[in-house]
């Protein structure tokens, strides 16, 4: 809530400032020839906040970088590194651009507005470049998404070295483009709807770039009368009358197909007065089918009315003007009585005609409203003309005073002419001395020219060496900056890795202690199990020996039994033999 009140207070202060400027503004806005009105003077860092930078790397579409900050000389510096390498993603085809653009100007309460440059015809820049070519961009307010990408371009060529250059570019030289492509259908720039100004670098030369800007301004050059330097396509100015002539032919077809009574005859006469007569050159229309015409019931705009009035006045327009001159009250619609023998089809056609007449009445009413509005504007213009007349009288009085001052100057000039005659006699005596001095100065001049040529040659070599050193310095600065960035990133990575190693060592120590505890516990359990199993094994061994002893005793008893059985068998066999 507190921040909301604070922002509201700021917006109210801005609104009060706008109203004060509006009330104190001079209604006579004049651009003086030869004077440059500054738009942006880059002598403070706060001016840089009105611009934004962009490059292909911001959208993952390239590797270029750019910045817009203050230079050591206290001016704006647009610099960076242009890289035309294309990312290997199978989608991007071209890369390598960097740009700056002004932010959208806004009034109080976040209302968008535009720059009005209609008083000027030349753009002025004071820059110091590096020999590259840059592209100046001007955007105008468009219509929805149809002209969002329309931008006016001009190529700015810079020269390298330590010298500044002032570029004066007429607005008529800017060419229309859309999405980086020149348009076949060129049109002039709308100076009262300018939204953005920008500079871009994209000359397909890999390497660093540097452009210093001191100011950007506007100038009115009266010697430049060219409105647009390129060919423009023109459209037909009479297309507004096409709809009226089409409706006229439809009305005639409807009347021809109707059965005319006396009331219908009156209706036909009134329609013929309001209809538009086609020209002799137009081909005659062939009535094929009775169609209910589509009437535009929307109110016509003032621009369309003006375009129609500027062209040849048709009978329908003249009739509407006569209706407007009769008064604001529309005439009553004609009363149509229905005969007893009229069929429904004819009634339907007459109903369509009545609807067309009602639509025509609505258009006439809208024209009356526009007429009243134009009269109000005419009164305002007359008031302004009256004020301008008063100003003209004041300027006439000033002109009279200036003429008197000119007359005084003429008298003073006559007196000065007498003095100048005396000076001429004195100068004629000095001419002889001048001739002798001229010869001596000619010899000295030749010597100085030779020295100047030698100094110029030395200066050119020094400038070339300075440019090479400056280019290498910028390249090294960019490389060092990259190294510093990589060093910071690597240090950060090392710190993160050290922290991760410490955490992993702590986890390893905890796991090792836990594993030792588990191993000790498992060893203890294993010892107890071994002791238990050893007792069991001893017990089982004793039982095994006992079983073996029992088995051996059983085997011995079995052998004894077998032996006894054999002896008994032998005895039985002997007894059987004896008995037999």
Protein backbone atom coordinates (compact mmCIF):
# COMPACT_ATOMS: atom_id res chain seq x y z
CA UNK A 1 0.00 0.00 0.00
CA UNK A 2 2.84 2.37 0.87
CA UNK A 3 4.58 1.74 -2.45
CA UNK A 4 1.30 2.30 -4.28
CA UNK A 5 0.82 5.73 -2.68
CA UNK A 6 4.41 6.59 -3.48
CA UNK A 7 4.01 5.68 -7.16
CA UNK A 8 0.71 7.59 -7.33
CA UNK A 9 2.44 10.66 -5.91
CA UNK A 10 5.16 10.43 -8.56
CA UNK A 11 2.59 10.11 -11.36
CA UNK A 12 0.60 13.10 -10.04
CA UNK A 13 3.75 15.23 -9.95
CA UNK A 14 4.52 14.21 -13.53
CA UNK A 15 0.96 15.06 -14.59
CA UNK A 16 1.22 18.50 -12.93
CA UNK A 17 4.50 19.11 -14.75
CA UNK A 18 2.90 18.17 -18.09
CA UNK A 19 -0.04 20.51 -17.51
CA UNK A 20 2.32 23.34 -16.58
CA UNK A 21 4.35 22.80 -19.76
CA UNK A 22 1.14 22.69 -21.79
CA UNK A 23 -0.13 25.98 -20.36
CA UNK A 24 3.21 27.74 -20.68
CA UNK A 25 4.02 26.39 -24.16
CA UNK A 26 4.42 28.79 -27.06
CA UNK A 27 1.74 28.05 -29.71
CA UNK A 28 4.11 29.25 -32.47
CA UNK A 29 6.63 26.43 -32.75
CA UNK A 30 9.35 27.32 -35.25
CA UNK A 31 12.51 25.39 -36.08
CA UNK A 32 15.30 27.86 -36.77
CA UNK A 33 17.42 26.95 -39.79
CA UNK A 34 20.95 25.86 -38.97
CA UNK A 35 20.31 25.28 -35.26
CA UNK A 36 20.45 21.75 -33.84
CA UNK A 37 17.85 20.82 -31.23
CA UNK A 38 19.29 18.02 -29.10
CA UNK A 39 17.25 14.90 -28.40
CA UNK A 40 19.82 13.04 -26.30
CA UNK A 41 23.07 14.56 -25.01
CA UNK A 42 25.19 11.75 -23.59
CA UNK A 43 27.12 13.71 -20.96
CA UNK A 44 25.54 12.02 -17.92
CA UNK A 45 25.08 8.33 -17.05
CA UNK A 46 21.36 8.92 -16.42
CA UNK A 47 20.79 9.44 -20.15
CA UNK A 48 21.95 5.87 -20.81
CA UNK A 49 18.97 4.55 -18.84
CA UNK A 50 16.72 5.69 -21.70
CA UNK A 51 18.26 3.04 -23.99
CA UNK A 52 18.37 -0.76 -24.00
CA UNK A 53 20.91 -3.09 -25.61
CA UNK A 54 20.29 -6.38 -27.37
CA UNK A 55 22.33 -8.93 -29.31
CA UNK A 56 21.92 -12.43 -30.75
CA UNK A 57 23.36 -14.10 -27.64
CA UNK A 58 20.48 -12.71 -25.54
CA UNK A 59 18.14 -15.08 -27.39
CA UNK A 60 20.58 -18.02 -27.70
CA UNK A 61 20.90 -17.28 -31.42
CA UNK A 62 24.60 -16.41 -31.58
CA UNK A 63 27.74 -15.48 -29.66
CA UNK A 64 27.94 -11.67 -30.02
CA UNK A 65 28.15 -9.39 -26.97
CA UNK A 66 27.61 -5.64 -26.54
CA UNK A 67 27.46 -2.94 -23.88
CA UNK A 68 26.33 0.70 -23.72
CA UNK A 69 28.11 2.70 -21.04
CA UNK A 70 30.18 5.84 -20.48
CA UNK A 71 33.58 6.12 -22.17
CA UNK A 72 36.70 7.57 -20.50
CA UNK A 73 36.01 10.79 -22.42
CA UNK A 74 32.63 11.17 -20.66
CA UNK A 75 30.49 10.21 -23.67
CA UNK A 76 28.27 7.24 -24.50
CA UNK A 77 30.18 4.22 -25.79
CA UNK A 78 28.47 1.43 -27.76
CA UNK A 79 31.04 -1.37 -27.86
CA UNK A 80 31.29 -5.14 -27.84
CA UNK A 81 32.35 -8.11 -29.93
CA UNK A 82 30.61 -9.11 -33.16
CA UNK A 83 30.61 -12.85 -33.89
CA UNK A 84 28.97 -14.31 -37.00
CA UNK A 85 29.25 -17.93 -35.89
CA UNK A 86 25.95 -19.79 -36.13
CA UNK A 87 24.88 -22.12 -33.28
CA UNK A 88 24.84 -25.76 -34.34
CA UNK A 89 21.20 -26.38 -33.50
CA UNK A 90 19.84 -26.87 -37.02
CA UNK A 91 17.50 -23.91 -36.62
CA UNK A 92 19.52 -20.69 -36.81
CA UNK A 93 20.81 -19.77 -40.28
CA UNK A 94 22.39 -16.34 -39.71
CA UNK A 95 23.92 -14.64 -36.69
CA UNK A 96 26.00 -11.65 -35.74
CA UNK A 97 24.20 -8.48 -34.66
CA UNK A 98 24.28 -6.02 -31.75
CA UNK A 99 21.96 -3.06 -31.29
CA UNK A 100 20.82 -0.27 -28.97
CA UNK A 101 17.34 1.23 -29.00
CA UNK A 102 15.60 4.00 -27.09
CA UNK A 103 12.83 3.05 -24.72
CA UNK A 104 9.21 3.92 -25.47
CA UNK A 105 8.49 7.43 -24.22
CA UNK A 106 5.62 7.58 -21.74
CA UNK A 107 3.60 10.34 -20.15
CA UNK A 108 2.02 10.33 -16.70
CA UNK A 109 0.02 7.28 -15.60
CA UNK A 110 1.98 5.05 -18.03
CA UNK A 111 0.40 6.58 -21.13
CA UNK A 112 2.33 5.86 -24.29
CA UNK A 113 3.15 8.79 -26.56
CA UNK A 114 5.37 9.48 -29.57
CA UNK A 115 8.02 11.96 -30.67
CA UNK A 116 6.89 14.77 -32.98
CA UNK A 117 9.64 15.59 -35.49
CA UNK A 118 7.40 17.25 -38.08
CA UNK A 119 9.25 20.60 -37.81
CA UNK A 120 12.58 19.07 -38.89
CA UNK A 121 13.97 17.34 -41.95
CA UNK A 122 17.50 16.30 -40.90
CA UNK A 123 18.95 13.98 -38.27
CA UNK A 124 22.26 15.12 -36.72
CA UNK A 125 24.76 12.89 -34.86
CA UNK A 126 28.21 13.55 -33.46
CA UNK A 127 30.09 10.25 -33.31
CA UNK A 128 33.56 8.78 -33.27
CA UNK A 129 33.76 5.34 -34.86
CA UNK A 130 36.26 2.64 -35.65
CA UNK A 131 35.86 2.46 -39.43
CA UNK A 132 32.88 0.10 -39.40
CA UNK A 133 29.48 0.83 -40.95
CA UNK A 134 26.50 1.06 -38.60
CA UNK A 135 22.78 1.07 -39.28
CA UNK A 136 20.55 3.88 -37.98
CA UNK A 137 17.00 2.73 -37.23
CA UNK A 138 13.83 4.80 -36.73
CA UNK A 139 10.52 3.13 -35.81
CA UNK A 140 7.08 4.71 -36.19
CA UNK A 141 3.80 3.84 -34.53
CA UNK A 142 2.01 1.18 -36.55
CA UNK A 143 -1.34 -0.52 -36.83
CA UNK A 144 -1.70 -3.56 -34.56
CA UNK A 145 0.70 -6.30 -35.73
CA UNK A 146 0.65 -5.27 -39.42
CA UNK A 147 3.49 -2.74 -39.24
CA UNK A 148 5.18 -3.73 -35.98
CA UNK A 149 8.35 -4.77 -37.82
CA UNK A 150 8.50 -1.76 -40.18
CA UNK A 151 11.69 0.24 -39.54
CA UNK A 152 13.36 3.03 -41.54
CA UNK A 153 17.11 2.44 -42.06
CA UNK A 154 20.15 4.43 -43.12
CA UNK A 155 23.78 3.24 -43.25
CA UNK A 156 26.21 5.40 -41.23
CA UNK A 157 29.83 5.09 -42.40
CA UNK A 158 32.45 5.98 -39.79
CA UNK A 159 36.15 6.66 -40.11
CA UNK A 160 38.70 5.36 -37.66
CA UNK A 161 41.09 7.49 -35.70
CA UNK A 162 40.86 9.93 -32.82
CA UNK A 163 38.70 12.51 -34.63
CA UNK A 164 34.97 13.15 -34.16
CA UNK A 165 32.60 13.45 -37.10
CA UNK A 166 29.23 15.20 -37.40
CA UNK A 167 26.77 13.34 -39.64
CA UNK A 168 23.74 15.20 -41.04
CA UNK A 169 21.27 12.80 -42.63
CA UNK A 170 18.01 13.96 -44.30
CA UNK A 171 14.95 11.96 -43.32
CA UNK A 172 14.14 11.55 -47.02
CA UNK A 173 17.16 9.23 -47.37
CA UNK A 174 15.85 6.67 -44.87
CA UNK A 175 14.56 3.54 -46.60
CA UNK A 176 11.70 1.36 -45.35
CA UNK A 177 12.45 -2.22 -44.31
CA UNK A 178 10.75 -5.04 -42.43
CA UNK A 179 12.61 -7.76 -40.49
CA UNK A 180 15.87 -6.67 -42.11
CA UNK A 181 14.57 -6.78 -45.70
CA UNK A 182 13.97 -3.75 -47.93
CA UNK A 183 10.37 -3.31 -49.05
CA UNK A 184 9.26 -2.80 -52.64
CA UNK A 185 6.39 -0.59 -51.52
CA UNK A 186 8.20 2.42 -50.04
CA UNK A 187 6.48 5.20 -48.10
CA UNK A 188 7.53 8.34 -46.28
CA UNK A 189 8.21 8.40 -42.58
CA UNK A 190 5.51 9.74 -40.25
CA UNK A 191 7.47 12.37 -38.34
CA UNK A 192 4.68 12.91 -35.77
CA UNK A 193 4.52 9.19 -34.83
CA UNK A 194 8.16 8.32 -34.09
CA UNK A 195 8.46 5.78 -31.26
CA UNK A 196 12.07 4.51 -31.22
CA UNK A 197 15.56 5.45 -32.40
CA UNK A 198 18.41 2.97 -32.45
CA UNK A 199 21.82 1.97 -33.80
CA UNK A 200 22.81 -1.56 -34.81
CA UNK A 201 26.06 -3.23 -35.82
CA UNK A 202 25.89 -6.17 -38.22
CA UNK A 203 28.43 -5.72 -41.02
CA UNK A 204 29.45 -9.43 -40.97
CA UNK A 205 33.02 -8.64 -39.80
CA UNK A 206 34.09 -10.66 -36.78
CA UNK A 207 35.88 -8.70 -34.10
CA UNK A 208 35.45 -5.90 -31.58
CA UNK A 209 33.56 -2.72 -32.44
CA UNK A 210 33.47 0.68 -30.77
CA UNK A 211 31.19 3.67 -31.44
CA UNK A 212 31.23 6.76 -29.23
CA UNK A 213 28.20 9.07 -29.38
CA UNK A 214 28.20 12.62 -28.01
CA UNK A 215 24.70 13.71 -28.99
CA UNK A 216 21.72 13.00 -31.26
CA UNK A 217 19.69 15.97 -32.49
CA UNK A 218 17.35 17.36 -35.13
CA UNK A 219 17.80 20.22 -37.58
CA UNK A 220 15.73 22.07 -40.16
CA UNK A 221 17.58 22.60 -43.43
CA UNK A 222 15.64 25.00 -45.72
CA UNK A 223 17.86 24.12 -48.70
CA UNK A 224 16.73 20.48 -48.61
CA UNK A 225 13.33 20.32 -50.34
CA UNK A 226 13.24 16.60 -51.15
CA UNK A 227 10.34 14.82 -49.43
CA UNK A 228 11.31 11.23 -50.26
CA UNK A 229 14.25 9.91 -52.26
CA UNK A 230 12.69 6.64 -53.44
CA UNK A 231 9.81 5.64 -55.69
CA UNK A 232 6.40 5.21 -54.03
CA UNK A 233 3.33 3.37 -55.25
CA UNK A 234 0.10 5.40 -55.39
CA UNK A 235 -3.47 4.20 -54.94
CA UNK A 236 -6.69 5.36 -56.58
CA UNK A 237 -8.18 8.36 -54.79
CA UNK A 238 -11.71 7.60 -56.07
CA UNK A 239 -12.12 4.19 -54.50
CA UNK A 240 -14.37 5.79 -51.86
CA UNK A 241 -17.02 6.42 -54.57
CA UNK A 242 -17.05 2.79 -55.73
CA UNK A 243 -19.43 1.67 -52.99
CA UNK A 244 -21.94 4.47 -53.76
CA UNK A 245 -22.00 3.66 -57.49
CA UNK A 246 -22.46 -0.05 -56.72
CA UNK A 247 -25.40 0.69 -54.42
CA UNK A 248 -26.89 2.94 -57.13
CA UNK A 249 -26.92 0.12 -59.70
CA UNK A 250 -28.54 -2.24 -57.17
CA UNK A 251 -31.26 0.30 -56.41
CA UNK A 252 -32.05 0.64 -60.12
CA UNK A 253 -32.34 -3.14 -60.49
CA UNK A 254 -34.74 -3.28 -57.55
CA UNK A 255 -36.95 -0.57 -59.03
CA UNK A 256 -37.03 -2.23 -62.46
CA UNK A 257 -38.23 -5.53 -60.99
CA UNK A 258 -41.00 -3.88 -58.95
CA UNK A 259 -44.54 -3.30 -60.15
CA UNK A 260 -44.87 0.49 -60.01
CA UNK A 261 -47.99 2.15 -58.66
CA UNK A 262 -48.44 5.88 -58.13
CA UNK A 263 -46.85 5.73 -54.68
CA UNK A 264 -43.99 3.61 -56.03
CA UNK A 265 -43.45 6.15 -58.83
CA UNK A 266 -42.90 8.90 -56.24
CA UNK A 267 -40.47 6.63 -54.40
CA UNK A 268 -38.59 6.00 -57.67
CA UNK A 269 -38.27 9.75 -58.33
CA UNK A 270 -36.83 10.34 -54.85
CA UNK A 271 -34.35 7.46 -55.30
CA UNK A 272 -33.22 8.79 -58.70
CA UNK A 273 -32.36 12.10 -57.05
CA UNK A 274 -30.19 10.35 -54.42
CA UNK A 275 -28.54 7.83 -56.78
CA UNK A 276 -25.11 8.20 -58.33
CA UNK A 277 -24.99 8.27 -62.14
CA UNK A 278 -22.26 6.00 -63.54
CA UNK A 279 -19.66 7.47 -65.90
CA UNK A 280 -19.78 6.88 -69.67
CA UNK A 281 -16.47 5.05 -69.60
CA UNK A 282 -17.65 2.44 -67.10
CA UNK A 283 -19.14 -0.74 -68.59
CA UNK A 284 -22.93 -1.12 -68.23
CA UNK A 285 -24.07 -3.43 -65.48
CA UNK A 286 -26.17 -6.47 -66.37
CA UNK A 287 -29.09 -7.07 -63.99
CA UNK A 288 -29.05 -10.78 -63.26
CA UNK A 289 -30.64 -11.15 -59.85
CA UNK A 290 -32.31 -8.97 -57.26
CA UNK A 291 -29.98 -8.87 -54.25
CA UNK A 292 -30.50 -6.96 -51.03
CA UNK A 293 -27.55 -4.53 -50.86
CA UNK A 294 -25.19 -4.52 -47.89
CA UNK A 295 -25.17 -1.02 -46.38
CA UNK A 296 -22.31 0.14 -44.21
CA UNK A 297 -24.08 1.47 -41.14
CA UNK A 298 -20.90 2.55 -39.38
CA UNK A 299 -20.18 6.25 -39.12
CA UNK A 300 -17.70 7.40 -41.81
CA UNK A 301 -14.43 8.85 -40.62
CA UNK A 302 -13.35 12.41 -41.24
CA UNK A 303 -10.42 11.32 -43.40
CA UNK A 304 -12.71 9.43 -45.81
CA UNK A 305 -15.08 12.43 -46.06
CA UNK A 306 -12.15 14.70 -46.84
CA UNK A 307 -10.83 12.35 -49.54
CA UNK A 308 -14.24 12.16 -51.20
CA UNK A 309 -14.72 15.94 -51.15
CA UNK A 310 -11.26 16.51 -52.58
CA UNK A 311 -12.09 14.42 -55.67
CA UNK A 312 -14.77 15.06 -58.30
CA UNK A 313 -18.13 15.77 -56.60
CA UNK A 314 -20.77 13.26 -57.64
CA UNK A 315 -24.55 13.98 -57.75
CA UNK A 316 -25.08 11.88 -54.61
CA UNK A 317 -22.52 13.92 -52.65
CA UNK A 318 -24.05 17.15 -53.96
CA UNK A 319 -27.49 15.94 -52.85
CA UNK A 320 -26.15 15.12 -49.37
CA UNK A 321 -24.61 18.61 -49.19
CA UNK A 322 -28.00 20.11 -50.08
CA UNK A 323 -29.63 18.01 -47.36
CA UNK A 324 -27.05 19.26 -44.86
CA UNK A 325 -27.73 22.87 -45.87
CA UNK A 326 -31.47 22.51 -45.25
CA UNK A 327 -31.03 22.07 -41.49
CA UNK A 328 -30.39 19.55 -38.78
CA UNK A 329 -33.90 18.08 -38.83
CA UNK A 330 -34.09 15.17 -41.29
CA UNK A 331 -37.02 15.15 -43.75
CA UNK A 332 -39.83 12.71 -42.97
CA UNK A 333 -39.68 9.41 -44.84
CA UNK A 334 -42.13 8.99 -47.71
CA UNK A 335 -45.37 7.23 -46.86
CA UNK A 336 -45.87 4.14 -48.95
CA UNK A 337 -49.32 2.64 -49.12
CA UNK A 338 -49.75 -0.99 -49.92
CA UNK A 339 -52.16 -1.67 -52.80
CA UNK A 340 -54.46 -4.62 -52.46
CA UNK A 341 -53.02 -6.38 -55.50
CA UNK A 342 -49.33 -6.11 -54.47
CA UNK A 343 -47.66 -9.49 -54.10
CA UNK A 344 -45.41 -10.41 -51.11
CA UNK A 345 -42.27 -10.48 -53.29
CA UNK A 346 -42.83 -6.85 -54.31
CA UNK A 347 -43.47 -5.90 -50.68
CA UNK A 348 -40.21 -7.58 -49.67
CA UNK A 349 -38.36 -5.58 -52.33
CA UNK A 350 -40.00 -2.35 -51.16
CA UNK A 351 -39.07 -3.21 -47.58
CA UNK A 352 -35.44 -3.59 -48.70
CA UNK A 353 -35.66 -0.21 -50.41
CA UNK A 354 -37.04 1.33 -47.20
CA UNK A 355 -34.14 -0.15 -45.25
CA UNK A 356 -31.69 1.34 -47.74
CA UNK A 357 -33.38 4.73 -47.40
CA UNK A 358 -33.14 4.46 -43.61
CA UNK A 359 -29.44 3.66 -43.92
CA UNK A 360 -29.02 6.65 -46.23
CA UNK A 361 -30.76 8.83 -43.62
CA UNK A 362 -28.37 7.54 -40.97
CA UNK A 363 -25.41 8.44 -43.17
CA UNK A 364 -26.90 11.88 -43.80
CA UNK A 365 -27.32 12.37 -40.05
CA UNK A 366 -23.68 11.39 -39.48
CA UNK A 367 -22.67 13.89 -42.17
CA UNK A 368 -24.68 16.57 -40.37
CA UNK A 369 -22.82 15.78 -37.16
CA UNK A 370 -19.52 16.01 -39.00
CA UNK A 371 -20.64 19.32 -40.51
CA UNK A 372 -21.37 20.71 -37.05
CA UNK A 373 -17.97 19.52 -35.85
CA UNK A 374 -16.27 21.14 -38.86
CA UNK A 375 -18.09 24.40 -38.14
CA UNK A 376 -16.81 24.29 -34.57
CA UNK A 377 -13.30 23.71 -35.84
CA UNK A 378 -13.74 26.56 -38.31
CA UNK A 379 -14.65 28.90 -35.46
CA UNK A 380 -11.55 27.79 -33.58
CA UNK A 381 -9.43 28.39 -36.68
CA UNK A 382 -10.95 31.87 -37.07
CA UNK A 383 -10.01 32.62 -33.46
CA UNK A 384 -6.46 31.46 -34.11
CA UNK A 385 -6.34 33.54 -37.31
CA UNK A 386 -7.43 36.58 -35.31
CA UNK A 387 -4.63 36.00 -32.82
CA UNK A 388 -2.14 35.55 -35.67
CA UNK A 389 -3.37 38.82 -37.22
CA UNK A 390 -2.65 40.62 -33.96
CA UNK A 391 0.81 39.06 -33.89
CA UNK A 392 1.31 40.14 -37.50
CA UNK A 393 0.51 43.74 -36.55
CA UNK A 394 3.03 43.57 -33.71
CA UNK A 395 5.65 42.22 -36.09
CA UNK A 396 4.82 45.02 -38.55
CA UNK A 397 5.53 47.60 -35.85
CA UNK A 398 8.81 45.84 -35.07
CA UNK A 399 9.65 45.87 -38.78
CA UNK A 400 9.00 49.62 -38.90
CA UNK A 401 11.41 50.18 -36.03
CA UNK A 402 14.00 47.99 -37.71
CA UNK A 403 13.66 49.96 -40.96
CA UNK A 404 14.42 53.16 -39.06
CA UNK A 405 17.50 51.52 -37.59
CA UNK A 406 18.55 50.46 -41.09
CA UNK A 407 18.26 54.06 -42.29
CA UNK A 408 20.52 55.18 -39.45
CA UNK A 409 22.98 52.46 -40.42
CA UNK A 410 22.98 53.75 -44.01
CA UNK A 411 23.90 57.25 -42.83
CA UNK A 412 26.66 55.85 -40.67
CA UNK A 413 27.93 53.83 -43.64
CA UNK A 414 28.20 57.02 -45.73
CA UNK A 415 30.34 58.61 -43.05
CA UNK A 416 32.43 55.47 -42.88
CA UNK A 417 32.95 55.58 -46.67
CA UNK A 418 34.73 58.94 -46.30
CA UNK A 419 37.01 57.43 -43.70
CA UNK A 420 37.61 54.42 -45.93
CA UNK A 421 38.85 56.66 -48.78
CA UNK A 422 41.57 57.95 -46.50
CA UNK A 423 42.41 54.38 -45.56
CA UNK A 424 42.65 53.44 -49.26
CA UNK A 425 45.28 56.08 -49.84
CA UNK A 426 47.23 54.75 -46.87
CA UNK A 427 46.86 51.16 -48.07
CA UNK A 428 48.10 52.03 -51.58
CA UNK A 429 51.35 53.19 -50.00
CA UNK A 430 51.60 49.93 -48.11
CA UNK A 431 51.05 47.77 -51.20
CA UNK A 432 54.60 48.36 -52.39
CA UNK A 433 55.97 47.18 -49.09
CA UNK A 434 53.64 44.19 -49.26
CA UNK A 435 55.10 43.05 -52.60
CA UNK A 436 58.58 42.83 -51.18
CA UNK A 437 57.31 41.05 -48.14
CA UNK A 438 55.32 38.65 -50.34
CA UNK A 439 58.43 37.30 -52.03
CA UNK A 440 60.08 36.67 -48.69
CA UNK A 441 56.96 35.02 -47.31
CA UNK A 442 56.70 32.82 -50.44
CA UNK A 443 60.12 31.35 -49.74
CA UNK A 444 59.22 30.78 -46.10
CA UNK A 445 55.88 29.28 -47.19
CA UNK A 446 57.63 26.75 -49.43
CA UNK A 447 59.85 25.75 -46.51
CA UNK A 448 56.86 25.41 -44.20
CA UNK A 449 54.99 23.34 -46.80
CA UNK A 450 57.85 20.87 -46.97
CA UNK A 451 57.92 20.66 -43.18
CA UNK A 452 54.12 20.26 -43.13
CA UNK A 453 54.23 17.40 -45.63
CA UNK A 454 56.88 15.64 -43.57
CA UNK A 455 54.84 16.16 -40.39
CA UNK A 456 51.69 14.90 -42.16
CA UNK A 457 53.52 11.76 -43.27
CA UNK A 458 54.75 11.19 -39.72
CA UNK A 459 51.23 11.83 -38.39
CA UNK A 460 49.70 9.35 -40.85
CA UNK A 461 52.17 6.67 -39.82
CA UNK A 462 51.50 7.46 -36.15
CA UNK A 463 47.72 7.27 -36.71
CA UNK A 464 48.11 3.92 -38.46
CA UNK A 465 50.26 2.64 -35.61
CA UNK A 466 47.79 4.04 -33.08
CA UNK A 467 44.88 2.32 -34.82
CA UNK A 468 46.75 -0.98 -34.77
CA UNK A 469 47.63 -0.57 -31.11
CA UNK A 470 44.08 0.49 -30.27
CA UNK A 471 42.63 -2.52 -32.09
CA UNK A 472 45.05 -4.88 -30.36
CA UNK A 473 44.28 -3.21 -27.04
CA UNK A 474 40.54 -3.66 -27.49
CA UNK A 475 41.04 -7.28 -28.54
CA UNK A 476 43.29 -7.94 -25.55
CA UNK A 477 40.85 -6.17 -23.26
CA UNK A 478 38.02 -8.41 -24.46
CA UNK A 479 40.21 -11.53 -24.08
CA UNK A 480 41.35 -10.47 -20.59
CA UNK A 481 37.77 -9.77 -19.62
CA UNK A 482 36.83 -13.26 -20.79
CA UNK A 483 39.75 -14.70 -18.83
CA UNK A 484 38.66 -12.81 -15.72
CA UNK A 485 35.13 -14.06 -16.17
CA UNK A 486 36.41 -17.63 -16.61
CA UNK A 487 38.70 -17.22 -13.59
CA UNK A 488 35.82 -16.07 -11.41
CA UNK A 489 33.69 -18.94 -12.67
CA UNK A 490 36.49 -21.47 -12.09
CA UNK A 491 37.17 -20.12 -8.59
CA UNK A 492 33.52 -20.39 -7.82
CA UNK A 493 33.55 -23.95 -9.19
CA UNK A 494 36.63 -24.84 -7.09
CA UNK A 495 34.98 -23.49 -3.95
CA UNK A 496 31.85 -25.45 -4.72
CA UNK A 497 33.93 -28.60 -5.35
CA UNK A 498 35.84 -28.10 -2.06
CA UNK A 499 32.59 -27.76 -0.18
CA UNK A 500 31.27 -30.86 -1.91
CA UNK A 501 34.49 -32.80 -1.07
CA UNK A 502 34.26 -31.80 2.59
CA UNK A 503 30.64 -32.88 2.70
CA UNK A 504 31.52 -36.19 1.00
CA UNK A 505 34.43 -36.81 3.42
CA UNK A 506 32.13 -36.20 6.37
CA UNK A 507 29.61 -38.60 4.88
CA UNK A 508 32.42 -41.14 4.23
CA UNK A 509 33.63 -40.93 7.84
CA UNK A 510 30.11 -41.40 9.15
CA UNK A 511 29.59 -44.36 6.83
CA UNK A 512 32.96 -45.87 7.84
CA UNK A 513 32.12 -45.64 11.54
CA UNK A 514 28.70 -47.10 10.91
CA UNK A 515 30.26 -49.93 8.86
CA UNK A 516 32.80 -50.68 11.63
CA UNK A 517 30.04 -50.87 14.17
CA UNK A 518 28.06 -53.18 11.94
CA UNK A 519 31.16 -55.34 11.29
CA UNK A 520 31.92 -55.63 15.01
CA UNK A 521 28.35 -56.58 15.70
CA UNK A 522 28.41 -59.12 12.87
CA UNK A 523 31.71 -60.61 14.13
CA UNK A 524 30.26 -60.98 17.64
CA UNK A 525 27.20 -62.68 16.26
CA UNK A 526 29.42 -64.87 14.07
CA UNK A 527 31.51 -65.94 17.10
CA UNK A 528 28.40 -66.82 19.09
CA UNK A 529 27.05 -68.79 16.13
CA UNK A 530 30.40 -70.57 15.71
CA UNK A 531 30.47 -71.53 19.42
CA UNK A 532 26.89 -72.80 19.23
CA UNK A 533 27.63 -74.80 16.10
CA UNK A 534 30.86 -76.26 17.59
CA UNK A 535 28.87 -77.60 20.57
CA UNK A 536 26.31 -79.04 18.22
CA UNK A 537 29.06 -80.59 16.08
CA UNK A 538 30.66 -82.22 19.14
CA UNK A 539 27.31 -83.56 20.22
CA UNK A 540 26.60 -84.90 16.77
CA UNK A 541 30.09 -86.45 16.55
CA UNK A 542 29.47 -88.25 19.86
CA UNK A 543 26.14 -89.50 18.61
CA UNK A 544 27.82 -90.55 15.37
CA UNK A 545 30.46 -92.55 17.22
CA UNK A 546 27.78 -94.08 19.38
CA UNK A 547 25.84 -95.02 16.29
CA UNK A 548 28.95 -96.45 14.68
CA UNK A 549 29.66 -98.56 17.80
CA UNK A 550 26.06 -99.71 17.86
CA UNK A 551 26.24 -100.49 14.14
CA UNK A 552 29.47 -102.46 14.56
CA UNK A 553 27.93 -104.45 17.42
CA UNK A 554 24.88 -105.12 15.32
CA UNK A 555 27.09 -106.26 12.44
CA UNK A 556 28.96 -108.63 14.74
CA UNK A 557 25.70 -110.02 16.12
CA UNK A 558 24.40 -110.32 12.56
CA UNK A 559 27.50 -112.23 11.51
CA UNK A 560 27.11 -114.52 14.51
CA UNK A 561 23.45 -115.07 13.68
CA UNK A 562 24.31 -115.84 10.08
CA UNK A 563 26.95 -118.30 11.19
CA UNK A 564 24.49 -119.95 13.58
CA UNK A 565 21.89 -120.14 10.82
CA UNK A 566 24.36 -121.78 8.49
CA UNK A 567 25.24 -124.36 11.12
CA UNK A 568 21.57 -125.03 11.82
CA UNK A 569 20.92 -125.33 8.10
CA UNK A 570 23.72 -127.83 7.74
CA UNK A 571 22.35 -129.86 10.63
CA UNK A 572 18.86 -129.79 9.15
CA UNK A 573 20.17 -130.88 5.77
CA UNK A 574 21.96 -133.81 7.37
CA UNK A 575 18.80 -134.83 9.26
CA UNK A 576 16.72 -134.63 6.10
CA UNK A 577 19.22 -136.74 4.20
CA UNK A 578 19.26 -139.28 6.92
CA UNK A 579 15.51 -139.52 7.09
CA UNK A 580 15.20 -139.83 3.34
